[in-house]
Amino acid sequence: MSKPLSDPREGRPGLNRRTLFAGASTAGALAAAATLIPRAQPTAVTPAEPRPAPEKGGGYSLSDHVKQYYKTTQI
């Protein structure tokens, strides 16, 4: 006589459909991220030349980003 079939979940208590799909989606997300990472090109940062010290003291200069800020504060 043949042996009765045992419950397939006996040997693997944590393996079910929900766990399988969660693992598959995690693996898919990791694979997608791994394909995008090599495409990212590092940008070369060139250091700006230091400006000479002001002759009469102070250190404020009306630079482009300051002018842009002033434009945004106008009513």
C-alpha atoms as a PDB file:
ATOM      1  CA  MET A   1       0.000   0.000   0.000  1.00  0.00           C
ATOM      2  CA  SER A   2       1.229   3.519  -0.722  1.00  0.00           C
ATOM      3  CA  LYS A   3       1.988   6.107   1.875  1.00  0.00           C
ATOM      4  CA  PRO A   4      -0.527   8.977   2.256  1.00  0.00           C
ATOM      5  CA  LEU A   5       0.662  12.324   0.924  1.00  0.00           C
ATOM      6  CA  SER A   6       1.896  14.624   3.628  1.00  0.00           C
ATOM      7  CA  ASP A   7       1.075  18.288   3.888  1.00  0.00           C
ATOM      8  CA  PRO A   8       3.568  20.193   1.680  1.00  0.00           C
ATOM      9  CA  ARG A   9       3.737  23.020   4.228  1.00  0.00           C
ATOM     10  CA  GLU A  10       5.157  20.790   6.968  1.00  0.00           C
ATOM     11  CA  GLY A  11       8.798  21.117   5.901  1.00  0.00           C
ATOM     12  CA  ARG A  12       8.603  24.806   4.998  1.00  0.00           C
ATOM     13  CA  PRO A  13       6.497  26.734   7.476  1.00  0.00           C
ATOM     14  CA  GLY A  14       7.218  30.238   6.120  1.00  0.00           C
ATOM     15  CA  LEU A  15       6.782  29.558   2.386  1.00  0.00           C
ATOM     16  CA  ASN A  16       3.402  30.547   1.028  1.00  0.00           C
ATOM     17  CA  ARG A  17       2.070  32.474  -1.939  1.00  0.00           C
ATOM     18  CA  ARG A  18       2.322  35.871  -0.245  1.00  0.00           C
ATOM     19  CA  THR A  19       5.960  35.288   0.758  1.00  0.00           C
ATOM     20  CA  LEU A  20       6.795  34.086  -2.738  1.00  0.00           C
ATOM     21  CA  PHE A  21       5.330  37.180  -4.413  1.00  0.00           C
ATOM     22  CA  ALA A  22       6.982  39.511  -1.901  1.00  0.00           C
ATOM     23  CA  GLY A  23      10.351  37.924  -2.599  1.00  0.00           C
ATOM     24  CA  ALA A  24       9.832  38.058  -6.352  1.00  0.00           C
ATOM     25  CA  SER A  25       8.869  41.734  -6.264  1.00  0.00           C
ATOM     26  CA  THR A  26      11.878  42.557  -4.091  1.00  0.00           C
ATOM     27  CA  ALA A  27      14.172  40.729  -6.492  1.00  0.00           C
ATOM     28  CA  GLY A  28      12.617  42.604  -9.424  1.00  0.00           C
ATOM     29  CA  ALA A  29      13.093  45.965  -7.734  1.00  0.00           C
ATOM     30  CA  LEU A  30      16.722  45.157  -6.972  1.00  0.00           C
ATOM     31  CA  ALA A  31      17.323  44.066 -10.558  1.00  0.00           C
ATOM     32  CA  ALA A  32      15.796  47.297 -11.881  1.00  0.00           C
ATOM     33  CA  ALA A  33      17.915  49.382  -9.527  1.00  0.00           C
ATOM     34  CA  ALA A  34      21.045  47.483 -10.493  1.00  0.00           C
ATOM     35  CA  THR A  35      20.467  48.239 -14.178  1.00  0.00           C
ATOM     36  CA  LEU A  36      20.045  51.960 -13.516  1.00  0.00           C
ATOM     37  CA  ILE A  37      23.048  52.460 -11.237  1.00  0.00           C
ATOM     38  CA  PRO A  38      25.784  51.977 -13.874  1.00  0.00           C
ATOM     39  CA  ARG A  39      24.106  54.557 -16.129  1.00  0.00           C
ATOM     40  CA  ALA A  40      24.583  57.327 -13.592  1.00  0.00           C
ATOM     41  CA  GLN A  41      27.539  59.413 -14.700  1.00  0.00           C
ATOM     42  CA  PRO A  42      29.510  61.165 -11.969  1.00  0.00           C
ATOM     43  CA  THR A  43      29.825  64.848 -12.686  1.00  0.00           C
ATOM     44  CA  ALA A  44      33.221  66.414 -12.444  1.00  0.00           C
ATOM     45  CA  VAL A  45      33.272  69.282  -9.998  1.00  0.00           C
ATOM     46  CA  THR A  46      35.759  71.962 -10.846  1.00  0.00           C
ATOM     47  CA  PRO A  47      36.722  74.118  -7.889  1.00  0.00           C
ATOM     48  CA  ALA A  48      36.034  77.806  -8.360  1.00  0.00           C
ATOM     49  CA  GLU A  49      38.995  80.110  -8.304  1.00  0.00           C
ATOM     50  CA  PRO A  50      39.201  81.982  -5.015  1.00  0.00           C
ATOM     51  CA  ARG A  51      38.398  85.657  -5.250  1.00  0.00           C
ATOM     52  CA  PRO A  52      40.924  88.164  -4.005  1.00  0.00           C
ATOM     53  CA  ALA A  53      40.220  89.692  -0.599  1.00  0.00           C
ATOM     54  CA  PRO A  54      38.430  93.038  -0.728  1.00  0.00           C
ATOM     55  CA  GLU A  55      40.734  96.009  -0.305  1.00  0.00           C
ATOM     56  CA  LYS A  56      38.477  98.091   1.965  1.00  0.00           C
ATOM     57  CA  GLY A  57      37.259  95.282   4.174  1.00  0.00           C
ATOM     58  CA  GLY A  58      33.883  93.664   4.098  1.00  0.00           C
ATOM     59  CA  GLY A  59      33.212  90.646   2.027  1.00  0.00           C
ATOM     60  CA  TYR A  60      29.797  91.222   0.558  1.00  0.00           C
ATOM     61  CA  SER A  61      29.559  91.001  -3.189  1.00  0.00           C
ATOM     62  CA  LEU A  62      26.502  91.220  -5.378  1.00  0.00           C
ATOM     63  CA  SER A  63      26.792  87.849  -7.068  1.00  0.00           C
ATOM     64  CA  ASP A  64      24.358  86.219  -9.489  1.00  0.00           C
ATOM     65  CA  HIS A  65      22.640  84.081  -6.860  1.00  0.00           C
ATOM     66  CA  VAL A  66      22.113  87.145  -4.641  1.00  0.00           C
ATOM     67  CA  LYS A  67      20.588  89.047  -7.575  1.00  0.00           C
ATOM     68  CA  GLN A  68      18.271  86.083  -8.225  1.00  0.00           C
ATOM     69  CA  TYR A  69      17.206  86.103  -4.589  1.00  0.00           C
ATOM     70  CA  TYR A  70      16.429  89.809  -4.733  1.00  0.00           C
ATOM     71  CA  LYS A  71      14.239  89.204  -7.805  1.00  0.00           C
ATOM     72  CA  THR A  72      12.220  86.581  -5.929  1.00  0.00           C
ATOM     73  CA  THR A  73      11.533  88.922  -3.005  1.00  0.00           C
ATOM     74  CA  GLN A  74      10.016  91.725  -5.085  1.00  0.00           C
ATOM     75  CA  ILE A  75       6.263  92.107  -4.758  1.00  0.00           C
END
